[in-house]
Amino acid sequence: MTVLTVPDDKGKWYPSLGGEVCDFIEDNLVFGPGDLRGEKAKLDEDKRALIWRMYEVYPRRHAAAGRRRFKRVGISMAKGLAKTELAAWIAICELHPEAPVRCIGFDKKGNPFGGPVNDPYIPVVAYTEEQSDELLYGTIKVILEESALGKDFDIGLGRIMRKRGDGKVVSLSSSPKSRDGARTTFSAMDETHWWTHPRLIKAHQTMLANTAKLKAADAWNLEITTAPEPGAGSVAESAMEYAQAVHEGRIKNSRFFYYHRQASDEHKLDTVKDIREAVIEASGVAKVWRDIDAIVALSQDPTMDMAYYDRLYCNRLVKASQKAFDISEWEQLADKKYKVLNKALISLGFDGAMFHDSVGLVGTEIETGHQFVLGVWECPYGKKDWQAPVDEIDETVEAAFENYDVWRMYADPQYWLSYTAKWAGLYGKEKVVEWYTNKYNQMCYSIEAFNTAIKSQELSHDGHKALGRHIANAFKKELNKRDEQGKKLWVIQKERGDSPNKIDLAMAAILSWRARLDAVALGVTKRSAYEDGLIMIG
C-alpha cells in the first residue's frame, strides 16, 4: 500500500483526545444513509487512527499545552470508504454541547481530557449547494434524526442548532465574501477534488482564514477528497502538493495533517487479478466490508473509463480520459519569459458568449507558435445578470490590431455578429473571418491539430492561469465520425451544460492556432523587413 502521511513523526507520540472522540461516536451516533442506516456507529481501525491524529494536542509542558496540534486536516481515500460519513460524525462531535473535542485539562499521567466548544459555528461546504445539502449536510441530518442525540438539536433543512441556540451547523455553498468575518470554529469541506472554480478556491481560502481568528475556540478545518486529477488546479491537488513539500522538507510545518492512501503504482490494471489486488490495497481495513467483487466487475464493463475508475477506486492520480487535453503536457509548454514584440505577425482567436459565461481573445505568434492571452472576461460564479463588457472587449480587439500585425482573426460570431461585422469593416474581411465553433466538421480537425501541437511540443504559451484553467475544463464530446485511420473524432464541451467552469479561452486558443496553421500553409510565416512603411512578408 502506498501511503503519504504528513507529518510523519517516525513513532513520536503526542497526547490526543481522539480516544474520547471515538468513544463518543460509538456510544452516541449511528450510521448515515445506506445499508447500515440507523445502526450503531462502528469505527474501523483506519478511521480510529485518523481521528486520533486529528485530535492530537500539545503535551502538558509545551508552551501551547492542550491546544490542537493541527489546524488543517486533509484526508484522501478511494470512493466508497465512507469519508463523508466520517466528516459528518466529526461535525456532530464539534457541535454537541457535551462532546470531548477540546482539551480542558490533563490528568496526573499527562493524558488530556476534553470538553465541548462554546457556541460553535460550523459551515459544511461542497462542490455545489445541492451536493452539500444532499451529501455532507444530509448525512449529518440523517445521523442526528436516527440517533438519540437528535433530541438535543433543532434540525432544519439548511441548519442544525443546539436546542438552547448557542451553536449551529449550516450548509453553505455561496460566495465566500458572505462568510468573511464568520466566527468559524470548525469547517468540513467535501469532495475537494471538484473544487477547481475560482469561487470555490476563494471559499477555501476564506474558511482557512476564518479559523485562524478565534484563539479560544481553537478552530480547525477538515477536507475530504478522492485523489485529484493532475493539473486540474483543484483545492485537493494544491493540498497534496503542499503535503508533498512538507514531506520532502521544502516547507517546515507541523500544523497540517494530511493522509493519502492509494494502490501501489506497480498495479497496471491489465488483468482482473491485478485490478482486484489494486482495489483491495487501496481499501485498507475497509476491504472486509467493501464490495470488492462489485467494484472489480465494474472494471469489466466495456463502457467504463478506466482512468476515471483508477482515480476513484484505486485513489491514484491519473488523467481522466474524458478530458480533452492533458493539462500536465500543457503546463510543460509554458514560457513565461518570452514576450511577443509589438508589430509581430500574429493570428487571433476569439470566442465567448454575451451573457452568463465568458469571453476570450488569444494571440499566436505565427513565426514561433507562441500563444498569449490578450483578454479574458468571466462571469462571476452565481451572478445571474452578468453581461460581457462589450466596450472593453471592443477596445481590446482594437488594441490587438494596433499593436500587432494581425494576419487573420478567426472569431465565433454567435452573439457577436454586429461586432464581427464592425471589425471586418475596420480591418478587412480577409482579416476578420467568421468561424462558427458549432460546425463540428471544421472544428474537430482544428481541435485535433491543436492537441497534436501540444503533444508534439510545437507550440508554447505565456503560462496564463485562466487559459490553463480553461484548457483543463474542456471535456471531449465524441462525434459519430472517424478519421482516415478509423479513430473517433471529437469536439470540446464543458463537463456539463450548467457547469461554472469555463472553456471559451481554450476555444479561442484553438481558433488562433488554426489561423496560424493556415498562415503557415500559405507560406506566411514572419515579417521580414520594414522599408519606408512597406511590410514585406516572407
Protein backbone atom coordinates (compact mmCIF):
# COMPACT_ATOMS: atom_id res chain seq x y z
CA MET A 1 0.00 0.00 0.00
CA THR A 2 1.27 3.47 -0.88
CA VAL A 3 0.55 5.94 1.92
CA LEU A 4 1.54 9.57 2.31
CA THR A 5 1.20 10.81 5.88
CA VAL A 6 2.23 14.34 6.81
CA PRO A 7 3.76 14.94 9.23
CA ASP A 8 5.50 11.58 9.59
CA ASP A 9 6.59 11.68 13.21
CA LYS A 10 8.55 8.42 12.96
CA GLY A 11 7.00 6.94 16.07
CA LYS A 12 6.92 10.11 18.16
CA TRP A 13 3.83 10.11 20.37
CA TYR A 14 1.53 13.07 21.02
CA PRO A 15 -1.33 13.07 23.52
CA SER A 16 -4.75 13.08 21.88
CA LEU A 17 -8.44 13.47 22.59
CA GLY A 18 -9.03 11.02 19.73
CA GLY A 19 -9.84 8.09 22.00
CA GLU A 20 -12.55 10.07 23.77
CA VAL A 21 -13.96 11.30 20.46
CA CYS A 22 -14.07 7.74 19.09
CA ASP A 23 -15.90 6.57 22.22
CA PHE A 24 -18.39 9.44 21.91
CA ILE A 25 -19.12 8.49 18.28
CA GLU A 26 -19.62 4.79 19.01
CA ASP A 27 -21.61 5.42 22.21
CA ASN A 28 -23.98 8.01 20.77
CA LEU A 29 -24.12 8.02 16.97
CA VAL A 30 -25.33 5.78 14.15
CA PHE A 31 -24.53 5.14 10.53
CA GLY A 32 -25.98 7.55 7.98
CA PRO A 33 -27.73 6.92 4.63
CA GLY A 34 -27.10 3.48 3.19
CA ASP A 35 -27.41 -0.20 4.08
CA LEU A 36 -26.46 0.39 7.73
CA ARG A 37 -28.64 3.44 8.24
CA GLY A 38 -29.64 3.82 11.87
CA GLU A 39 -27.39 1.05 13.16
CA LYS A 40 -24.95 1.79 15.96
CA ALA A 41 -21.79 3.55 14.71
CA LYS A 42 -18.67 1.39 14.49
CA LEU A 43 -15.25 2.79 13.56
CA ASP A 44 -12.77 0.66 11.67
CA GLU A 45 -9.13 0.82 12.71
CA ASP A 46 -8.16 3.19 9.91
CA LYS A 47 -10.76 5.78 10.90
CA ARG A 48 -9.94 5.33 14.57
CA ALA A 49 -6.28 6.06 13.82
CA LEU A 50 -7.21 9.10 11.72
CA ILE A 51 -9.39 10.54 14.49
CA TRP A 52 -6.53 10.05 16.96
CA ARG A 53 -4.24 12.09 14.70
CA MET A 54 -6.91 14.76 14.05
CA TYR A 55 -7.29 15.38 17.79
CA GLU A 56 -3.65 15.39 18.84
CA VAL A 57 -2.80 18.18 21.31
CA TYR A 58 0.45 19.64 22.54
CA PRO A 59 1.69 17.93 25.73
CA ARG A 60 1.36 19.35 29.22
CA ARG A 61 4.76 21.02 29.44
CA HIS A 62 4.65 22.52 25.95
CA ALA A 63 4.21 26.31 25.53
CA ALA A 64 0.90 25.60 23.75
CA ALA A 65 -0.11 22.78 26.13
CA GLY A 66 -3.57 21.39 25.40
CA ARG A 67 -4.12 23.25 22.16
CA ARG A 68 -4.83 21.43 18.93
CA ARG A 69 -1.74 20.34 17.06
CA PHE A 70 -3.35 20.56 13.62
CA LYS A 71 -5.36 23.49 12.27
CA ARG A 72 -5.90 21.88 8.89
CA VAL A 73 -6.57 18.22 8.12
CA GLY A 74 -6.78 16.63 4.66
CA ILE A 75 -7.97 13.06 4.06
CA SER A 76 -7.65 11.45 0.61
CA MET A 77 -9.12 7.96 0.20
CA ALA A 78 -10.84 5.98 -2.53
CA LYS A 79 -14.53 6.25 -3.35
CA GLY A 80 -16.83 4.19 -1.16
CA LEU A 81 -14.82 4.28 2.08
CA ALA A 82 -17.40 6.37 3.95
CA LYS A 83 -15.33 9.56 4.05
CA THR A 84 -18.43 11.76 4.05
CA GLU A 85 -19.84 9.80 6.98
CA LEU A 86 -16.58 10.28 8.86
CA ALA A 87 -16.76 14.05 8.27
CA ALA A 88 -20.40 14.04 9.43
CA TRP A 89 -19.52 12.25 12.68
CA ILE A 90 -16.73 14.74 13.36
CA ALA A 91 -19.02 17.71 12.63
CA ILE A 92 -21.63 16.38 15.07
CA CYS A 93 -18.98 15.96 17.76
CA GLU A 94 -17.79 19.52 17.17
CA LEU A 95 -21.38 20.72 17.56
CA HIS A 96 -22.57 18.72 20.56
CA PRO A 97 -22.65 20.52 23.93
CA GLU A 98 -21.03 17.58 25.75
CA ALA A 99 -18.59 16.12 23.23
CA PRO A 100 -14.90 15.99 24.34
CA VAL A 101 -13.39 17.85 21.37
CA ARG A 102 -11.19 20.47 23.12
CA CYS A 103 -8.63 19.88 25.82
CA ILE A 104 -9.74 21.33 29.17
CA GLY A 105 -7.01 19.78 31.30
CA PHE A 106 -4.58 16.91 31.92
CA ASP A 107 -4.67 14.08 34.42
CA LYS A 108 -1.73 13.16 36.67
CA LYS A 109 -0.21 10.98 33.95
CA GLY A 110 -0.31 13.81 31.41
CA ASN A 111 -3.27 12.47 29.45
CA PRO A 112 -5.64 15.16 28.19
CA PHE A 113 -9.35 15.17 28.86
CA GLY A 114 -11.86 17.03 26.75
CA GLY A 115 -14.89 19.25 26.77
CA PRO A 116 -17.16 20.92 24.21
CA VAL A 117 -16.77 24.05 22.12
CA ASN A 118 -18.68 27.02 23.46
CA ASP A 119 -21.11 28.39 20.85
CA PRO A 120 -19.74 26.53 17.77
CA TYR A 121 -20.31 27.76 14.24
CA ILE A 122 -19.74 25.00 11.67
CA PRO A 123 -20.13 25.54 7.92
CA VAL A 124 -20.13 22.41 5.77
CA VAL A 125 -19.22 23.15 2.18
CA ALA A 126 -19.33 21.07 -1.00
CA TYR A 127 -18.90 21.44 -4.76
CA THR A 128 -22.45 22.65 -5.25
CA GLU A 129 -25.17 23.70 -2.84
CA GLU A 130 -27.19 20.62 -3.82
CA GLN A 131 -24.27 18.33 -3.02
CA SER A 132 -23.71 19.97 0.35
CA ASP A 133 -27.40 19.64 1.21
CA GLU A 134 -27.81 16.08 -0.05
CA LEU A 135 -24.45 14.54 0.88
CA LEU A 136 -22.46 16.03 3.76
CA TYR A 137 -25.17 18.11 5.41
CA GLY A 138 -27.75 15.49 4.52
CA THR A 139 -25.65 12.81 6.20
CA ILE A 140 -25.32 14.91 9.37
CA LYS A 141 -29.09 15.45 9.37
CA VAL A 142 -29.92 11.74 8.96
CA ILE A 143 -27.44 10.64 11.63
CA LEU A 144 -28.92 13.04 14.17
CA GLU A 145 -32.50 12.18 13.24
CA GLU A 146 -31.71 8.48 13.73
CA SER A 147 -29.67 8.99 16.93
CA ALA A 148 -30.78 9.53 20.49
CA LEU A 149 -28.72 12.75 20.38
CA GLY A 150 -31.21 14.22 17.94
CA LYS A 151 -33.31 15.44 20.86
CA ASP A 152 -30.53 17.89 21.72
CA PHE A 153 -30.96 19.80 18.43
CA ASP A 154 -33.38 21.81 16.37
CA ILE A 155 -32.94 20.18 12.96
CA GLY A 156 -33.83 22.14 9.81
CA LEU A 157 -33.32 21.79 6.07
CA GLY A 158 -30.35 24.15 5.94
CA ARG A 159 -29.14 24.41 9.53
CA ILE A 160 -28.99 22.40 12.73
CA MET A 161 -28.87 24.24 16.06
CA ARG A 162 -28.38 23.29 19.66
CA LYS A 163 -31.75 23.46 21.39
CA ARG A 164 -30.61 26.38 23.54
CA GLY A 165 -29.41 28.23 20.41
CA ASP A 166 -25.73 28.55 21.25
CA GLY A 167 -24.23 26.67 18.30
CA LYS A 168 -25.12 25.51 14.79
CA VAL A 169 -24.11 23.64 11.63
CA VAL A 170 -25.03 25.32 8.34
CA SER A 171 -25.00 24.02 4.78
CA LEU A 172 -23.02 26.54 2.81
CA SER A 173 -22.21 26.86 -0.89
CA SER A 174 -22.23 30.56 -1.73
CA SER A 175 -19.87 33.44 -2.40
CA PRO A 176 -17.04 33.41 0.14
CA LYS A 177 -17.50 37.15 0.61
CA SER A 178 -20.66 36.43 2.55
CA ARG A 179 -18.60 34.44 5.04
CA ASP A 180 -15.80 36.97 5.55
CA GLY A 181 -15.71 37.65 9.27
CA ALA A 182 -17.56 34.45 10.20
CA ARG A 183 -16.61 33.10 13.61
CA THR A 184 -15.97 29.57 12.31
CA THR A 185 -14.94 27.05 14.98
CA PHE A 186 -14.77 24.06 12.61
CA SER A 187 -15.47 23.61 8.91
CA ALA A 188 -15.86 20.48 6.81
CA MET A 189 -15.20 20.60 3.06
CA ASP A 190 -16.30 17.63 0.96
CA GLU A 191 -15.08 16.33 -2.42
CA THR A 192 -12.38 18.98 -2.79
CA HIS A 193 -11.07 17.30 -5.95
CA TRP A 194 -14.00 19.04 -7.67
CA TRP A 195 -13.09 22.44 -6.22
CA THR A 196 -11.45 23.96 -9.31
CA HIS A 197 -13.55 27.10 -9.83
CA PRO A 198 -12.08 30.38 -8.51
CA ARG A 199 -15.15 30.83 -6.31
CA LEU A 200 -14.50 27.54 -4.52
CA ILE A 201 -10.78 28.19 -4.25
CA LYS A 202 -11.59 31.57 -2.70
CA ALA A 203 -14.14 29.93 -0.39
CA HIS A 204 -11.46 27.52 0.77
CA GLN A 205 -9.06 30.37 1.49
CA THR A 206 -11.80 32.20 3.39
CA MET A 207 -12.56 29.13 5.51
CA LEU A 208 -8.89 28.76 6.40
CA ALA A 209 -8.63 32.45 7.28
CA ASN A 210 -11.73 32.37 9.47
CA THR A 211 -10.42 29.53 11.63
CA ALA A 212 -7.25 31.48 12.39
CA LYS A 213 -9.17 34.26 14.16
CA LEU A 214 -10.67 32.59 17.22
CA LYS A 215 -7.95 31.58 19.66
CA ALA A 216 -10.29 30.42 22.42
CA ALA A 217 -12.25 28.16 20.05
CA ASP A 218 -9.03 26.52 18.74
CA ALA A 219 -10.75 26.28 15.36
CA TRP A 220 -9.77 23.91 12.53
CA ASN A 221 -10.66 22.68 9.03
CA LEU A 222 -11.30 19.20 7.65
CA GLU A 223 -11.02 18.48 3.90
CA ILE A 224 -12.28 15.16 2.49
CA THR A 225 -11.48 14.04 -1.04
CA THR A 226 -10.73 11.34 -3.56
CA ALA A 227 -7.44 11.58 -5.47
CA PRO A 228 -7.41 14.80 -7.54
CA GLU A 229 -6.90 14.88 -11.27
CA PRO A 230 -3.37 16.10 -12.03
CA GLY A 231 -3.26 19.61 -13.44
CA ALA A 232 -6.92 20.45 -12.80
CA GLY A 233 -5.95 23.09 -10.23
CA SER A 234 -8.30 21.81 -7.53
CA VAL A 235 -8.10 22.51 -3.81
CA ALA A 236 -7.36 18.80 -3.33
CA GLU A 237 -4.46 18.98 -5.77
CA SER A 238 -2.93 22.02 -4.07
CA ALA A 239 -3.33 20.29 -0.68
CA MET A 240 -1.43 17.27 -1.94
CA GLU A 241 1.31 19.47 -3.41
CA TYR A 242 1.57 21.25 -0.06
CA ALA A 243 1.78 17.91 1.75
CA GLN A 244 4.49 16.70 -0.63
CA ALA A 245 6.52 19.84 0.06
CA VAL A 246 6.21 19.24 3.80
CA HIS A 247 7.09 15.57 3.33
CA GLU A 248 10.19 16.48 1.32
CA GLY A 249 11.27 19.10 3.85
CA ARG A 250 10.82 22.04 1.49
CA ILE A 251 8.26 23.52 3.91
CA LYS A 252 8.54 23.28 7.67
CA ASN A 253 5.01 22.98 9.01
CA SER A 254 3.67 20.73 11.75
CA ARG A 255 0.12 22.15 11.81
CA PHE A 256 -1.11 20.44 8.65
CA PHE A 257 -2.09 16.78 8.91
CA TYR A 258 -2.56 15.04 5.57
CA TYR A 259 -3.32 11.40 4.82
CA HIS A 260 -3.46 9.86 1.34
CA ARG A 261 -3.79 6.14 0.63
CA GLN A 262 -3.73 4.54 -2.82
CA ALA A 263 -2.93 1.34 -4.65
CA SER A 264 0.76 0.99 -5.47
CA ASP A 265 1.86 2.25 -8.87
CA GLU A 266 3.06 -1.24 -9.80
CA HIS A 267 -0.54 -2.27 -10.49
CA LYS A 268 -1.19 -1.84 -14.23
CA LEU A 269 -4.89 -2.88 -14.16
CA ASP A 270 -4.29 -5.11 -17.19
CA THR A 271 -5.90 -8.21 -15.67
CA VAL A 272 -8.82 -8.90 -13.35
CA LYS A 273 -6.34 -10.28 -10.81
CA ASP A 274 -4.30 -7.08 -10.82
CA ILE A 275 -7.43 -4.91 -10.59
CA ARG A 276 -8.65 -6.88 -7.60
CA GLU A 277 -5.30 -6.59 -5.83
CA ALA A 278 -5.17 -2.83 -6.51
CA VAL A 279 -8.70 -2.25 -5.18
CA ILE A 280 -8.02 -4.33 -2.06
CA GLU A 281 -4.77 -2.48 -1.43
CA ALA A 282 -6.45 0.92 -1.76
CA SER A 283 -9.25 -0.18 0.60
CA GLY A 284 -7.10 -0.78 3.68
CA VAL A 285 -9.05 -2.40 6.51
CA ALA A 286 -12.28 -1.50 4.69
CA LYS A 287 -11.63 -4.48 2.41
CA VAL A 288 -13.57 -6.62 4.90
CA TRP A 289 -16.81 -4.68 4.30
CA ARG A 290 -16.25 -3.03 0.91
CA ASP A 291 -17.95 -4.81 -2.03
CA ILE A 292 -14.73 -5.75 -3.81
CA ASP A 293 -16.46 -8.14 -6.23
CA ALA A 294 -18.86 -5.44 -7.46
CA ILE A 295 -16.08 -2.89 -7.88
CA VAL A 296 -13.93 -5.35 -9.86
CA ALA A 297 -16.91 -6.35 -12.01
CA LEU A 298 -17.47 -2.67 -12.83
CA SER A 299 -14.00 -2.57 -14.40
CA GLN A 300 -15.08 -5.19 -16.96
CA ASP A 301 -17.85 -3.02 -18.37
CA PRO A 302 -16.58 -2.02 -21.85
CA THR A 303 -18.02 1.48 -21.43
CA MET A 304 -16.05 2.11 -18.23
CA ASP A 305 -13.42 4.84 -18.43
CA MET A 306 -10.52 3.06 -16.74
CA ALA A 307 -8.61 6.27 -16.00
CA TYR A 308 -11.63 7.52 -14.08
CA TYR A 309 -12.02 4.11 -12.44
CA ASP A 310 -8.38 4.11 -11.37
CA ARG A 311 -8.69 7.51 -9.72
CA LEU A 312 -11.96 6.71 -7.92
CA TYR A 313 -11.42 3.14 -6.75
CA CYS A 314 -7.61 2.92 -6.51
CA ASN A 315 -7.21 6.57 -5.47
CA ARG A 316 -4.33 7.13 -7.87
CA LEU A 317 -3.63 10.43 -9.57
CA VAL A 318 -4.46 9.75 -13.23
CA LYS A 319 -5.76 11.82 -16.12
CA ALA A 320 -9.45 11.21 -16.79
CA SER A 321 -9.82 10.16 -20.43
CA GLN A 322 -12.94 12.32 -20.80
CA LYS A 323 -10.75 15.40 -20.60
CA ALA A 324 -9.89 16.87 -23.98
CA PHE A 325 -6.29 17.80 -23.19
CA ASP A 326 -3.54 16.61 -20.89
CA ILE A 327 -3.04 19.62 -18.64
CA SER A 328 0.34 18.35 -17.40
CA GLU A 329 1.58 18.36 -21.01
CA TRP A 330 0.14 21.86 -21.44
CA GLU A 331 1.92 23.18 -18.37
CA GLN A 332 5.25 21.92 -19.65
CA LEU A 333 4.90 24.25 -22.65
CA ALA A 334 4.78 27.43 -20.56
CA ASP A 335 7.46 30.01 -21.36
CA LYS A 336 6.70 32.98 -19.16
CA LYS A 337 9.89 34.82 -20.09
CA TYR A 338 9.16 35.02 -23.80
CA LYS A 339 7.43 38.20 -24.91
CA VAL A 340 5.85 38.71 -28.32
CA LEU A 341 7.14 42.03 -29.62
CA ASN A 342 4.97 44.85 -30.85
CA LYS A 343 4.23 44.66 -34.58
CA ALA A 344 4.98 40.93 -34.64
CA LEU A 345 2.95 38.93 -37.14
CA ILE A 346 0.21 37.10 -35.23
CA SER A 347 -3.12 35.35 -35.59
CA LEU A 348 -6.06 35.88 -33.25
CA GLY A 349 -8.80 33.62 -31.90
CA PHE A 350 -11.99 35.00 -30.37
CA ASP A 351 -14.79 33.07 -28.67
CA GLY A 352 -17.39 33.60 -25.99
CA ALA A 353 -20.96 34.29 -25.02
CA MET A 354 -22.61 37.63 -24.38
CA PHE A 355 -24.34 36.51 -21.16
CA HIS A 356 -23.67 34.27 -18.12
CA ASP A 357 -20.43 32.73 -19.41
CA SER A 358 -17.04 34.05 -20.55
CA VAL A 359 -15.19 35.62 -23.48
CA GLY A 360 -11.59 35.09 -24.55
CA LEU A 361 -9.10 36.61 -27.01
CA VAL A 362 -5.86 34.71 -27.68
CA GLY A 363 -2.97 35.57 -29.97
CA THR A 364 -0.42 33.25 -31.59
CA GLU A 365 2.88 34.46 -32.99
CA ILE A 366 2.96 32.90 -36.44
CA GLU A 367 6.73 32.51 -36.64
CA THR A 368 7.22 30.78 -33.27
CA GLY A 369 3.82 29.31 -32.42
CA HIS A 370 3.84 31.10 -29.04
CA GLN A 371 0.35 31.72 -27.66
CA PHE A 372 -0.55 34.55 -25.32
CA VAL A 373 -3.75 35.83 -23.73
CA LEU A 374 -4.87 39.30 -24.79
CA GLY A 375 -8.09 39.31 -22.80
CA VAL A 376 -10.40 37.14 -20.74
CA TRP A 377 -13.74 38.12 -19.21
CA GLU A 378 -15.56 35.65 -16.95
CA CYS A 379 -18.97 35.71 -15.33
CA PRO A 380 -18.52 35.61 -11.54
CA TYR A 381 -19.99 32.47 -10.04
CA GLY A 382 -23.68 32.78 -9.21
CA LYS A 383 -24.13 36.18 -10.85
CA LYS A 384 -27.39 35.89 -12.76
CA ASP A 385 -27.34 39.18 -14.66
CA TRP A 386 -23.74 39.22 -15.93
CA GLN A 387 -23.17 40.61 -19.40
CA ALA A 388 -19.86 40.70 -21.20
CA PRO A 389 -18.26 44.19 -21.06
CA VAL A 390 -18.61 44.82 -24.78
CA ASP A 391 -16.88 48.21 -24.83
CA GLU A 392 -13.82 46.85 -23.04
CA ILE A 393 -13.72 43.81 -25.33
CA ASP A 394 -14.05 46.02 -28.40
CA GLU A 395 -11.17 48.20 -27.16
CA THR A 396 -9.02 45.11 -26.53
CA VAL A 397 -9.58 43.85 -30.07
CA GLU A 398 -8.77 47.34 -31.41
CA ALA A 399 -5.56 47.42 -29.37
CA ALA A 400 -4.55 44.00 -30.72
CA PHE A 401 -4.83 45.23 -34.30
CA GLU A 402 -2.93 48.41 -33.42
CA ASN A 403 -0.10 46.74 -31.50
CA TYR A 404 0.47 43.72 -33.76
CA ASP A 405 0.37 42.81 -37.40
CA VAL A 406 -2.72 40.61 -37.36
CA TRP A 407 -2.73 38.25 -40.31
CA ARG A 408 -6.16 36.85 -39.51
CA MET A 409 -8.62 36.76 -36.67
CA TYR A 410 -10.89 33.71 -36.51
CA ALA A 411 -13.92 34.73 -34.47
CA ASP A 412 -17.03 32.81 -33.50
CA PRO A 413 -19.79 35.29 -34.48
CA GLN A 414 -22.50 33.73 -32.28
CA TYR A 415 -23.75 36.56 -30.02
CA TRP A 416 -21.19 38.88 -31.67
CA LEU A 417 -22.47 39.37 -35.23
CA SER A 418 -22.61 43.15 -35.01
CA TYR A 419 -19.08 43.29 -33.61
CA THR A 420 -17.53 40.81 -36.04
CA ALA A 421 -19.15 42.83 -38.84
CA LYS A 422 -17.72 46.01 -37.35
CA TRP A 423 -14.23 44.51 -37.06
CA ALA A 424 -14.40 43.17 -40.62
CA GLY A 425 -15.35 46.65 -41.81
CA LEU A 426 -12.46 48.26 -39.91
CA TYR A 427 -9.72 45.74 -40.62
CA GLY A 428 -10.91 43.94 -43.75
CA LYS A 429 -13.00 40.83 -44.42
CA GLU A 430 -9.83 38.95 -45.32
CA LYS A 431 -8.51 39.58 -41.82
CA VAL A 432 -11.64 39.03 -39.71
CA VAL A 433 -13.08 35.62 -40.59
CA GLU A 434 -16.29 34.25 -39.09
CA TRP A 435 -15.60 30.79 -37.68
CA TYR A 436 -18.61 29.02 -36.20
CA THR A 437 -17.47 26.70 -33.44
CA ASN A 438 -20.73 24.71 -33.63
CA LYS A 439 -19.81 23.49 -37.13
CA TYR A 440 -18.32 20.26 -35.94
CA ASN A 441 -16.83 19.14 -39.26
CA GLN A 442 -14.36 22.01 -39.28
CA MET A 443 -13.90 22.18 -35.52
CA CYS A 444 -12.93 18.56 -34.87
CA TYR A 445 -9.93 18.78 -37.19
CA SER A 446 -8.88 22.14 -35.72
CA ILE A 447 -9.07 20.69 -32.21
CA GLU A 448 -7.12 17.62 -33.26
CA ALA A 449 -4.41 19.85 -34.77
CA PHE A 450 -4.24 21.86 -31.53
CA ASN A 451 -3.99 18.71 -29.41
CA THR A 452 -1.26 17.35 -31.69
CA ALA A 453 0.67 20.61 -31.30
CA ILE A 454 0.51 20.20 -27.51
CA LYS A 455 1.72 16.61 -27.61
CA SER A 456 4.49 17.34 -30.13
CA GLN A 457 5.51 20.49 -28.20
CA GLU A 458 5.06 22.52 -31.36
CA LEU A 459 3.50 25.42 -29.50
CA SER A 460 4.41 27.34 -26.37
CA HIS A 461 2.37 29.75 -24.26
CA ASP A 462 2.64 32.51 -21.69
CA GLY A 463 1.52 30.41 -18.71
CA HIS A 464 -1.66 32.46 -18.19
CA LYS A 465 -3.57 30.80 -15.33
CA ALA A 466 -7.01 31.38 -16.81
CA LEU A 467 -6.00 29.79 -20.13
CA GLY A 468 -4.61 26.77 -18.30
CA ARG A 469 -7.82 26.51 -16.30
CA HIS A 470 -10.00 26.65 -19.43
CA ILE A 471 -7.79 24.02 -21.10
CA ALA A 472 -8.24 21.79 -18.03
CA ASN A 473 -12.01 22.37 -18.03
CA ALA A 474 -12.50 21.13 -21.60
CA PHE A 475 -14.14 17.71 -21.96
CA LYS A 476 -14.44 15.54 -25.06
CA LYS A 477 -17.68 15.19 -26.97
CA GLU A 478 -17.22 12.29 -29.35
CA LEU A 479 -18.81 12.54 -32.80
CA ASN A 480 -20.33 9.76 -34.85
CA LYS A 481 -17.47 10.20 -37.25
CA ARG A 482 -13.98 8.77 -37.72
CA ASP A 483 -10.81 9.97 -39.39
CA GLU A 484 -8.94 8.12 -42.12
CA GLN A 485 -7.25 5.91 -39.53
CA GLY A 486 -10.60 4.94 -38.04
CA LYS A 487 -10.15 7.00 -34.87
CA LYS A 488 -13.24 8.71 -33.49
CA LEU A 489 -13.33 12.47 -33.93
CA TRP A 490 -14.39 14.78 -31.13
CA VAL A 491 -15.01 18.39 -30.18
CA ILE A 492 -14.81 20.08 -26.80
CA GLN A 493 -17.52 20.94 -24.32
CA LYS A 494 -18.00 21.70 -20.63
CA GLU A 495 -18.26 18.84 -18.18
CA ARG A 496 -21.98 19.64 -18.06
CA GLY A 497 -24.21 22.33 -19.50
CA ASP A 498 -24.61 24.34 -16.31
CA SER A 499 -21.01 23.98 -15.19
CA PRO A 500 -19.43 27.15 -13.78
CA ASN A 501 -16.11 26.04 -15.28
CA LYS A 502 -15.39 27.99 -18.47
CA ILE A 503 -13.77 26.80 -21.71
CA ASP A 504 -14.08 29.82 -24.03
CA LEU A 505 -10.43 30.81 -23.66
CA ALA A 506 -9.43 27.30 -24.72
CA MET A 507 -11.65 27.63 -27.78
CA ALA A 508 -10.07 30.99 -28.59
CA ALA A 509 -6.63 29.37 -28.38
CA ILE A 510 -7.76 26.65 -30.80
CA LEU A 511 -9.08 29.21 -33.29
CA SER A 512 -5.89 31.24 -33.03
CA TRP A 513 -3.82 28.12 -33.65
CA ARG A 514 -5.99 27.16 -36.62
CA ALA A 515 -5.40 30.60 -38.16
CA ARG A 516 -1.67 30.25 -37.54
CA LEU A 517 -1.62 26.87 -39.34
CA ASP A 518 -3.46 28.39 -42.31
CA ALA A 519 -0.87 31.17 -42.47
CA VAL A 520 1.98 28.65 -42.45
CA ALA A 521 0.26 26.60 -45.16
CA LEU A 522 0.18 29.70 -47.38
CA GLY A 523 3.85 30.44 -46.74
CA VAL A 524 3.14 33.41 -44.49
CA THR A 525 5.49 32.89 -41.60
CA LYS A 526 7.02 36.17 -40.45
CA ARG A 527 7.52 39.87 -41.04
CA SER A 528 10.97 40.01 -42.62
CA ALA A 529 11.67 43.72 -43.01
CA TYR A 530 10.33 47.25 -42.79
CA GLU A 531 11.19 49.65 -45.56
CA ASP A 532 9.51 53.03 -45.89
CA GLY A 533 6.46 51.70 -44.08
CA LEU A 534 6.09 48.88 -46.61
CA ILE A 535 5.73 45.48 -44.92
CA MET A 536 7.23 42.52 -46.71
CA ILE A 537 6.12 39.05 -45.64
CA GLY A 538 8.38 36.08 -46.14
